Amino acid sequence: NISCSIGIALYPEHGEDEQTLMKHADAAMYQAKNEGLNRIKLFSAEIG
């Protein structure tokens, strides 16, 4: 079986440079993983 957890960060709402966007997308992805398999999570202030 294959599972997928996806974290999403939007420009410019969640960051204005690549490093910040990747950091926030990564945080959202780990939150998705913590919630279970096959999840998609949009970054929010509560996550990061």
N, C-alpha and C. Protein backbone atom coordinates (compact mmCIF):
# COMPACT_ATOMS: atom_id res chain seq x y z
N ASN A 1 0.83 -1.19 0.00
CA ASN A 1 0.00 0.00 0.00
C ASN A 1 0.87 1.25 0.00
N ILE A 2 0.38 2.26 -0.64
CA ILE A 2 1.05 3.55 -0.67
C ILE A 2 0.17 4.57 0.03
N SER A 3 0.79 5.39 0.87
CA SER A 3 0.05 6.48 1.50
C SER A 3 0.75 7.80 1.18
N CYS A 4 0.03 8.89 1.35
CA CYS A 4 0.58 10.19 1.00
C CYS A 4 0.08 11.24 1.99
N SER A 5 1.01 12.00 2.55
CA SER A 5 0.67 13.13 3.41
C SER A 5 1.21 14.38 2.74
N ILE A 6 0.36 15.39 2.59
CA ILE A 6 0.74 16.60 1.86
C ILE A 6 0.55 17.82 2.75
N GLY A 7 1.56 18.68 2.76
CA GLY A 7 1.48 19.97 3.45
C GLY A 7 1.50 21.08 2.42
N ILE A 8 0.65 22.07 2.61
CA ILE A 8 0.52 23.16 1.64
C ILE A 8 0.76 24.49 2.34
N ALA A 9 1.58 25.34 1.71
CA ALA A 9 1.77 26.73 2.13
C ALA A 9 1.58 27.59 0.89
N LEU A 10 0.85 28.68 1.05
CA LEU A 10 0.50 29.55 -0.08
C LEU A 10 1.32 30.84 -0.07
N TYR A 11 1.72 31.27 -1.26
CA TYR A 11 2.39 32.55 -1.44
C TYR A 11 1.36 33.60 -1.77
N PRO A 12 1.38 34.76 -1.18
CA PRO A 12 2.27 35.26 -0.13
C PRO A 12 1.68 35.11 1.27
N GLU A 13 0.53 34.46 1.40
CA GLU A 13 -0.14 34.37 2.71
C GLU A 13 0.72 33.73 3.79
N HIS A 14 1.49 32.71 3.42
CA HIS A 14 2.25 31.95 4.41
C HIS A 14 3.76 32.18 4.33
N GLY A 15 4.17 33.09 3.47
CA GLY A 15 5.59 33.42 3.35
C GLY A 15 5.87 34.06 2.02
N GLU A 16 6.91 34.89 2.00
CA GLU A 16 7.25 35.60 0.77
C GLU A 16 8.55 35.13 0.16
N ASP A 17 9.18 34.11 0.75
CA ASP A 17 10.40 33.56 0.16
C ASP A 17 10.33 32.03 0.20
N GLU A 18 11.15 31.42 -0.64
CA GLU A 18 11.12 29.96 -0.79
C GLU A 18 11.38 29.24 0.53
N GLN A 19 12.34 29.73 1.29
CA GLN A 19 12.71 29.06 2.54
C GLN A 19 11.54 29.04 3.53
N THR A 20 10.86 30.16 3.69
CA THR A 20 9.73 30.24 4.61
C THR A 20 8.58 29.37 4.13
N LEU A 21 8.29 29.42 2.84
CA LEU A 21 7.20 28.60 2.30
C LEU A 21 7.48 27.11 2.49
N MET A 22 8.72 26.68 2.25
CA MET A 22 9.07 25.27 2.43
C MET A 22 8.98 24.87 3.91
N LYS A 23 9.43 25.74 4.80
CA LYS A 23 9.34 25.46 6.24
C LYS A 23 7.89 25.29 6.67
N HIS A 24 7.03 26.16 6.20
CA HIS A 24 5.62 26.09 6.58
C HIS A 24 4.92 24.89 5.93
N ALA A 25 5.25 24.59 4.68
CA ALA A 25 4.67 23.41 4.03
C ALA A 25 5.12 22.14 4.75
N ASP A 26 6.37 22.11 5.17
CA ASP A 26 6.90 20.95 5.90
C ASP A 26 6.18 20.78 7.24
N ALA A 27 5.96 21.89 7.95
CA ALA A 27 5.24 21.83 9.23
C ALA A 27 3.82 21.31 9.01
N ALA A 28 3.17 21.76 7.94
CA ALA A 28 1.82 21.30 7.63
C ALA A 28 1.82 19.81 7.28
N MET A 29 2.85 19.36 6.56
CA MET A 29 2.94 17.95 6.21
C MET A 29 3.07 17.08 7.46
N TYR A 30 3.90 17.49 8.40
CA TYR A 30 4.06 16.70 9.63
C TYR A 30 2.78 16.70 10.46
N GLN A 31 2.04 17.79 10.42
CA GLN A 31 0.74 17.82 11.10
C GLN A 31 -0.21 16.83 10.42
N ALA A 32 -0.18 16.78 9.09
CA ALA A 32 -1.01 15.83 8.35
C ALA A 32 -0.64 14.40 8.73
N LYS A 33 0.66 14.10 8.83
CA LYS A 33 1.11 12.76 9.22
C LYS A 33 0.62 12.40 10.62
N ASN A 34 0.65 13.37 11.54
CA ASN A 34 0.20 13.12 12.91
C ASN A 34 -1.29 12.82 12.97
N GLU A 35 -2.05 13.31 12.01
CA GLU A 35 -3.50 13.10 12.01
C GLU A 35 -3.90 11.78 11.36
N GLY A 36 -2.97 11.09 10.71
CA GLY A 36 -3.27 9.80 10.11
C GLY A 36 -2.79 9.72 8.67
N LEU A 37 -3.08 8.60 8.04
CA LEU A 37 -2.64 8.37 6.67
C LEU A 37 -3.49 9.14 5.66
N ASN A 38 -2.85 9.44 4.54
CA ASN A 38 -3.55 10.03 3.38
C ASN A 38 -4.28 11.32 3.74
N ARG A 39 -3.55 12.27 4.28
CA ARG A 39 -4.13 13.56 4.68
C ARG A 39 -3.48 14.70 3.91
N ILE A 40 -4.22 15.77 3.76
CA ILE A 40 -3.72 17.02 3.19
C ILE A 40 -3.98 18.10 4.23
N LYS A 41 -2.96 18.93 4.51
CA LYS A 41 -3.10 19.97 5.52
C LYS A 41 -2.58 21.29 4.97
N LEU A 42 -3.39 22.33 5.10
CA LEU A 42 -3.01 23.68 4.74
C LEU A 42 -2.37 24.34 5.96
N PHE A 43 -1.22 24.99 5.76
CA PHE A 43 -0.54 25.65 6.87
C PHE A 43 -1.44 26.70 7.51
N SER A 44 -1.34 26.82 8.83
CA SER A 44 -2.04 27.87 9.57
C SER A 44 -1.16 28.28 10.74
N ALA A 45 -1.48 29.40 11.36
CA ALA A 45 -0.69 29.89 12.50
C ALA A 45 -0.68 28.89 13.65
N GLU A 46 -1.75 28.11 13.81
CA GLU A 46 -1.81 27.12 14.88
C GLU A 46 -0.77 26.02 14.70
N ILE A 47 -0.41 25.73 13.46
CA ILE A 47 0.58 24.68 13.17
C ILE A 47 1.99 25.19 13.44
N GLY A 48 2.28 26.39 12.96
CA GLY A 48 3.65 26.86 12.97
C GLY A 48 3.98 27.83 14.01
